């Protein structure tokens, strides 16, 4: 393996590590959003919303659809 090939391989490895770290952080973020959505839904039910209302409200909050 020549030096140029080695440098390219090292770049690819670095890019793969960056991609893996980004994916891991994205998973953590989505997990947090899911937990917050469940918490919001449950709180809506506690406050007297029916399931359909709680679901619509929770989705609209999480997607920024509230006007």
N, C-alpha and C. Protein backbone atom coordinates (compact mmCIF):
# COMPACT_ATOMS: atom_id res chain seq x y z
N UNK A 1 0.85 -1.17 0.00
CA UNK A 1 0.00 0.00 0.00
C UNK A 1 0.90 1.24 0.00
N UNK A 2 0.66 2.10 -0.94
CA UNK A 2 1.49 3.31 -1.00
C UNK A 2 0.96 4.39 -0.06
N UNK A 3 1.71 5.46 0.05
CA UNK A 3 1.37 6.53 1.00
C UNK A 3 0.04 7.21 0.64
N UNK A 4 -0.21 7.39 -0.65
CA UNK A 4 -1.46 8.02 -1.07
C UNK A 4 -2.66 7.17 -0.68
N UNK A 5 -2.56 5.87 -0.88
CA UNK A 5 -3.65 4.97 -0.50
C UNK A 5 -3.84 4.97 1.01
N UNK A 6 -2.76 4.99 1.74
CA UNK A 6 -2.83 5.02 3.21
C UNK A 6 -3.51 6.29 3.69
N UNK A 7 -3.16 7.43 3.10
CA UNK A 7 -3.79 8.70 3.48
C UNK A 7 -5.29 8.69 3.18
N UNK A 8 -5.65 8.14 2.03
CA UNK A 8 -7.07 8.04 1.69
C UNK A 8 -7.81 7.14 2.66
N UNK A 9 -7.19 6.03 3.02
CA UNK A 9 -7.79 5.10 3.98
C UNK A 9 -7.97 5.76 5.34
N UNK A 10 -7.00 6.56 5.74
CA UNK A 10 -7.09 7.26 7.02
C UNK A 10 -8.22 8.30 6.99
N UNK A 11 -8.39 9.00 5.84
CA UNK A 11 -9.49 9.96 5.70
C UNK A 11 -10.84 9.25 5.79
N UNK A 12 -10.94 8.13 5.12
CA UNK A 12 -12.19 7.36 5.15
C UNK A 12 -12.50 6.91 6.56
N UNK A 13 -11.49 6.44 7.28
CA UNK A 13 -11.68 6.01 8.66
C UNK A 13 -12.15 7.17 9.53
N UNK A 14 -11.54 8.33 9.36
CA UNK A 14 -11.93 9.51 10.15
C UNK A 14 -13.37 9.91 9.83
N UNK A 15 -13.74 9.88 8.55
CA UNK A 15 -15.12 10.20 8.16
C UNK A 15 -16.11 9.20 8.76
N UNK A 16 -15.75 7.93 8.77
CA UNK A 16 -16.62 6.91 9.36
C UNK A 16 -16.81 7.15 10.85
N UNK A 17 -15.74 7.52 11.54
CA UNK A 17 -15.84 7.80 12.97
C UNK A 17 -16.74 9.00 13.23
N UNK A 18 -16.63 10.02 12.40
CA UNK A 18 -17.48 11.21 12.54
C UNK A 18 -18.94 10.84 12.29
N UNK A 19 -19.17 10.06 11.26
CA UNK A 19 -20.53 9.62 10.94
C UNK A 19 -21.12 8.80 12.08
N UNK A 20 -20.33 7.90 12.64
CA UNK A 20 -20.80 7.07 13.75
C UNK A 20 -21.15 7.94 14.97
N UNK A 21 -20.32 8.91 15.29
CA UNK A 21 -20.59 9.80 16.42
C UNK A 21 -21.84 10.63 16.18
N UNK A 22 -22.01 11.11 14.95
CA UNK A 22 -23.20 11.89 14.61
C UNK A 22 -24.46 11.05 14.75
N UNK A 23 -24.41 9.82 14.28
CA UNK A 23 -25.55 8.91 14.37
C UNK A 23 -25.90 8.64 15.83
N UNK A 24 -24.88 8.42 16.67
CA UNK A 24 -25.11 8.16 18.09
C UNK A 24 -25.78 9.36 18.75
N UNK A 25 -25.32 10.57 18.44
CA UNK A 25 -25.92 11.77 19.02
C UNK A 25 -27.35 11.95 18.53
N UNK A 26 -27.60 11.62 17.27
CA UNK A 26 -28.95 11.71 16.74
C UNK A 26 -29.88 10.73 17.46
N UNK A 27 -29.41 9.52 17.72
CA UNK A 27 -30.20 8.54 18.45
C UNK A 27 -30.55 9.05 19.84
N UNK A 28 -29.58 9.64 20.51
CA UNK A 28 -29.83 10.20 21.85
C UNK A 28 -30.88 11.30 21.78
N UNK A 29 -30.79 12.14 20.78
CA UNK A 29 -31.76 13.22 20.62
C UNK A 29 -33.16 12.71 20.35
N UNK A 30 -33.27 11.71 19.49
CA UNK A 30 -34.59 11.14 19.19
C UNK A 30 -35.18 10.43 20.40
N UNK A 31 -34.34 9.79 21.18
CA UNK A 31 -34.79 9.13 22.41
C UNK A 31 -35.36 10.17 23.37
N UNK A 32 -34.67 11.30 23.50
CA UNK A 32 -35.13 12.38 24.38
C UNK A 32 -36.47 12.93 23.90
N UNK A 33 -36.61 13.15 22.60
CA UNK A 33 -37.86 13.67 22.05
C UNK A 33 -39.00 12.69 22.30
N UNK A 34 -38.74 11.40 22.12
CA UNK A 34 -39.78 10.38 22.35
C UNK A 34 -40.22 10.38 23.81
N UNK A 35 -39.27 10.48 24.73
CA UNK A 35 -39.62 10.50 26.15
C UNK A 35 -40.41 11.74 26.51
N UNK A 36 -40.03 12.89 25.95
CA UNK A 36 -40.77 14.12 26.22
C UNK A 36 -42.17 14.06 25.62
N UNK A 37 -42.30 13.45 24.46
CA UNK A 37 -43.61 13.29 23.83
C UNK A 37 -44.53 12.43 24.68
N UNK A 38 -43.99 11.35 25.20
CA UNK A 38 -44.78 10.46 26.07
C UNK A 38 -45.18 11.18 27.34
N UNK A 39 -44.27 11.94 27.92
CA UNK A 39 -44.56 12.69 29.13
C UNK A 39 -45.67 13.72 28.85
N UNK A 40 -45.57 14.44 27.75
CA UNK A 40 -46.58 15.43 27.40
C UNK A 40 -47.93 14.78 27.18
N UNK A 41 -47.96 13.67 26.46
CA UNK A 41 -49.20 12.93 26.22
C UNK A 41 -49.84 12.52 27.53
N UNK A 42 -49.05 11.94 28.43
CA UNK A 42 -49.58 11.49 29.73
C UNK A 42 -50.11 12.66 30.55
N UNK A 43 -49.40 13.79 30.51
CA UNK A 43 -49.86 14.97 31.25
C UNK A 43 -51.18 15.50 30.68
N UNK A 44 -51.31 15.46 29.38
CA UNK A 44 -52.57 15.89 28.76
C UNK A 44 -53.73 15.01 29.25
N UNK A 45 -53.50 13.71 29.30
CA UNK A 45 -54.54 12.80 29.79
C UNK A 45 -54.89 13.12 31.24
N UNK A 46 -53.87 13.40 32.06
CA UNK A 46 -54.10 13.74 33.46
C UNK A 46 -54.94 15.02 33.58
N UNK A 47 -54.80 15.92 32.63
CA UNK A 47 -55.52 17.20 32.68
C UNK A 47 -56.91 17.12 32.06
N UNK A 48 -57.31 15.94 31.61
CA UNK A 48 -58.67 15.77 31.12
C UNK A 48 -58.84 15.68 29.62
N UNK A 49 -57.75 15.72 28.88
CA UNK A 49 -57.86 15.52 27.43
C UNK A 49 -58.25 14.08 27.17
N UNK A 50 -59.00 13.84 26.08
CA UNK A 50 -59.18 12.44 25.69
C UNK A 50 -57.94 12.03 24.88
N UNK A 51 -57.82 10.76 24.55
CA UNK A 51 -56.60 10.28 23.89
C UNK A 51 -56.36 10.97 22.54
N UNK A 52 -57.41 11.18 21.77
CA UNK A 52 -57.25 11.81 20.46
C UNK A 52 -56.75 13.26 20.62
N UNK A 53 -57.35 13.98 21.56
CA UNK A 53 -56.93 15.36 21.80
C UNK A 53 -55.48 15.42 22.29
N UNK A 54 -55.15 14.52 23.21
CA UNK A 54 -53.79 14.49 23.76
C UNK A 54 -52.77 14.18 22.67
N UNK A 55 -53.11 13.24 21.81
CA UNK A 55 -52.20 12.86 20.73
C UNK A 55 -52.01 14.02 19.75
N UNK A 56 -53.12 14.63 19.33
CA UNK A 56 -53.03 15.75 18.39
C UNK A 56 -52.22 16.90 18.98
N UNK A 57 -52.50 17.22 20.25
CA UNK A 57 -51.79 18.32 20.90
C UNK A 57 -50.30 18.02 21.02
N UNK A 58 -49.98 16.81 21.46
CA UNK A 58 -48.57 16.42 21.63
C UNK A 58 -47.82 16.46 20.31
N UNK A 59 -48.43 15.93 19.28
CA UNK A 59 -47.79 15.94 17.96
C UNK A 59 -47.59 17.37 17.47
N UNK A 60 -48.60 18.21 17.67
CA UNK A 60 -48.48 19.59 17.19
C UNK A 60 -47.38 20.34 17.94
N UNK A 61 -47.22 20.08 19.22
CA UNK A 61 -46.14 20.71 19.99
C UNK A 61 -44.78 20.22 19.49
N UNK A 62 -44.64 18.93 19.32
CA UNK A 62 -43.35 18.35 18.94
C UNK A 62 -42.94 18.69 17.50
N UNK A 63 -43.92 18.95 16.67
CA UNK A 63 -43.60 19.27 15.27
C UNK A 63 -43.63 20.76 14.99
N UNK A 64 -43.96 21.55 15.99
CA UNK A 64 -44.01 22.99 15.80
C UNK A 64 -45.25 23.45 15.09
N UNK A 65 -46.30 22.65 15.12
CA UNK A 65 -47.52 22.97 14.39
C UNK A 65 -48.50 23.83 15.16
N UNK A 66 -48.18 24.23 16.38
CA UNK A 66 -49.10 25.06 17.15
C UNK A 66 -49.02 26.50 16.67
N UNK A 67 -50.17 27.10 16.44
CA UNK A 67 -50.20 28.48 15.93
C UNK A 67 -50.85 29.39 16.94
